[in-house]
């Protein structure tokens, strides 16, 4: 299947989404330690997953693809 080519107006938005997803997948030890100290690790993981899901939905919306096909059960938390 040929990839969908995004209009130029969506290119910057897609780049920003991809950068943010990359950052969310990066292990941030300082934040992990702060979350553990404040006893909010599970809340941090939940929020991280919600952000990833939101960004993937936006990305698929811009690309015109179906996000449910391959990503329904994936866990994108970099902390697990």
C-alpha atoms as a PDB file:
ATOM      1  CA  UNK A   1       0.000   0.000   0.000  1.00  0.00           C
ATOM      2  CA  UNK A   2       1.373   3.409  -0.937  1.00  0.00           C
ATOM      3  CA  UNK A   3       1.943   5.779   1.985  1.00  0.00           C
ATOM      4  CA  UNK A   4      -0.337   8.775   2.197  1.00  0.00           C
ATOM      5  CA  UNK A   5       1.527  11.984   1.469  1.00  0.00           C
ATOM      6  CA  UNK A   6       0.531  14.790   3.813  1.00  0.00           C
ATOM      7  CA  UNK A   7      -0.079  18.284   2.474  1.00  0.00           C
ATOM      8  CA  UNK A   8       2.661  20.808   3.233  1.00  0.00           C
ATOM      9  CA  UNK A   9       0.460  22.471   5.842  1.00  0.00           C
ATOM     10  CA  UNK A  10       0.475  19.251   7.867  1.00  0.00           C
ATOM     11  CA  UNK A  11       4.189  18.604   7.528  1.00  0.00           C
ATOM     12  CA  UNK A  12       5.274  20.845  10.405  1.00  0.00           C
ATOM     13  CA  UNK A  13       2.502  19.456  12.627  1.00  0.00           C
ATOM     14  CA  UNK A  14       3.537  15.869  11.839  1.00  0.00           C
ATOM     15  CA  UNK A  15       7.180  16.696  12.544  1.00  0.00           C
ATOM     16  CA  UNK A  16       6.222  18.205  15.901  1.00  0.00           C
ATOM     17  CA  UNK A  17       4.064  15.183  16.783  1.00  0.00           C
ATOM     18  CA  UNK A  18       6.877  12.787  15.882  1.00  0.00           C
ATOM     19  CA  UNK A  19       9.355  14.766  17.983  1.00  0.00           C
ATOM     20  CA  UNK A  20       6.989  14.779  20.950  1.00  0.00           C
ATOM     21  CA  UNK A  21       6.384  11.043  20.622  1.00  0.00           C
ATOM     22  CA  UNK A  22      10.136  10.498  20.532  1.00  0.00           C
ATOM     23  CA  UNK A  23      10.510  12.559  23.693  1.00  0.00           C
ATOM     24  CA  UNK A  24       7.735  10.623  25.425  1.00  0.00           C
ATOM     25  CA  UNK A  25       9.539   7.387  24.552  1.00  0.00           C
ATOM     26  CA  UNK A  26      12.816   8.686  25.973  1.00  0.00           C
ATOM     27  CA  UNK A  27      13.744   7.568  29.445  1.00  0.00           C
ATOM     28  CA  UNK A  28      13.934  10.593  31.768  1.00  0.00           C
ATOM     29  CA  UNK A  29      15.539   9.353  34.978  1.00  0.00           C
ATOM     30  CA  UNK A  30      15.259  12.671  36.813  1.00  0.00           C
ATOM     31  CA  UNK A  31      11.495  12.769  36.295  1.00  0.00           C
ATOM     32  CA  UNK A  32      11.180   9.107  37.228  1.00  0.00           C
ATOM     33  CA  UNK A  33      12.994   9.729  40.523  1.00  0.00           C
ATOM     34  CA  UNK A  34      10.845  12.769  41.283  1.00  0.00           C
ATOM     35  CA  UNK A  35       7.691  10.778  40.582  1.00  0.00           C
ATOM     36  CA  UNK A  36       8.873   7.974  42.866  1.00  0.00           C
ATOM     37  CA  UNK A  37       9.727  10.465  45.615  1.00  0.00           C
ATOM     38  CA  UNK A  38       6.296  12.077  45.315  1.00  0.00           C
ATOM     39  CA  UNK A  39       4.602   8.668  45.080  1.00  0.00           C
ATOM     40  CA  UNK A  40       2.948   9.429  41.743  1.00  0.00           C
ATOM     41  CA  UNK A  41       4.700   6.986  39.410  1.00  0.00           C
ATOM     42  CA  UNK A  42       1.495   5.244  38.324  1.00  0.00           C
ATOM     43  CA  UNK A  43      -0.199   8.581  37.646  1.00  0.00           C
ATOM     44  CA  UNK A  44       2.805   9.690  35.598  1.00  0.00           C
ATOM     45  CA  UNK A  45       2.698   6.487  33.549  1.00  0.00           C
ATOM     46  CA  UNK A  46      -1.027   6.855  32.969  1.00  0.00           C
ATOM     47  CA  UNK A  47      -0.630  10.448  31.848  1.00  0.00           C
ATOM     48  CA  UNK A  48       2.259   9.525  29.575  1.00  0.00           C
ATOM     49  CA  UNK A  49       0.159   6.812  27.921  1.00  0.00           C
ATOM     50  CA  UNK A  50      -2.762   9.220  27.492  1.00  0.00           C
ATOM     51  CA  UNK A  51      -0.479  11.753  25.806  1.00  0.00           C
ATOM     52  CA  UNK A  52       0.958   9.131  23.474  1.00  0.00           C
ATOM     53  CA  UNK A  53      -2.531   7.909  22.566  1.00  0.00           C
ATOM     54  CA  UNK A  54      -3.675  11.478  21.904  1.00  0.00           C
ATOM     55  CA  UNK A  55      -0.657  12.264  19.721  1.00  0.00           C
ATOM     56  CA  UNK A  56      -1.030   9.033  17.762  1.00  0.00           C
ATOM     57  CA  UNK A  57      -4.692   9.842  17.154  1.00  0.00           C
ATOM     58  CA  UNK A  58      -3.741  13.315  15.892  1.00  0.00           C
ATOM     59  CA  UNK A  59      -0.998  11.835  13.711  1.00  0.00           C
ATOM     60  CA  UNK A  60      -3.301   9.258  12.148  1.00  0.00           C
ATOM     61  CA  UNK A  61      -5.948  11.932  11.614  1.00  0.00           C
ATOM     62  CA  UNK A  62      -3.475  14.063   9.666  1.00  0.00           C
ATOM     63  CA  UNK A  63      -2.297  11.063   7.665  1.00  0.00           C
ATOM     64  CA  UNK A  64      -5.786   9.714   7.092  1.00  0.00           C
ATOM     65  CA  UNK A  65      -4.918   6.265   8.417  1.00  0.00           C
ATOM     66  CA  UNK A  66      -6.675   3.952  10.864  1.00  0.00           C
ATOM     67  CA  UNK A  67      -4.909   3.884  14.261  1.00  0.00           C
ATOM     68  CA  UNK A  68      -6.842   0.842  15.511  1.00  0.00           C
ATOM     69  CA  UNK A  69      -5.200  -1.589  13.098  1.00  0.00           C
ATOM     70  CA  UNK A  70      -1.784  -2.081  14.740  1.00  0.00           C
ATOM     71  CA  UNK A  71      -1.707  -0.022  17.913  1.00  0.00           C
ATOM     72  CA  UNK A  72      -4.762  -1.007  19.920  1.00  0.00           C
ATOM     73  CA  UNK A  73      -2.903  -2.953  22.611  1.00  0.00           C
ATOM     74  CA  UNK A  74       0.513  -1.320  22.611  1.00  0.00           C
ATOM     75  CA  UNK A  75       1.957   0.244  25.738  1.00  0.00           C
ATOM     76  CA  UNK A  76       4.248   3.145  24.956  1.00  0.00           C
ATOM     77  CA  UNK A  77       5.424   3.852  28.485  1.00  0.00           C
ATOM     78  CA  UNK A  78       9.173   4.221  28.540  1.00  0.00           C
ATOM     79  CA  UNK A  79       9.168   3.530  32.266  1.00  0.00           C
ATOM     80  CA  UNK A  80       8.061  -0.091  32.122  1.00  0.00           C
END
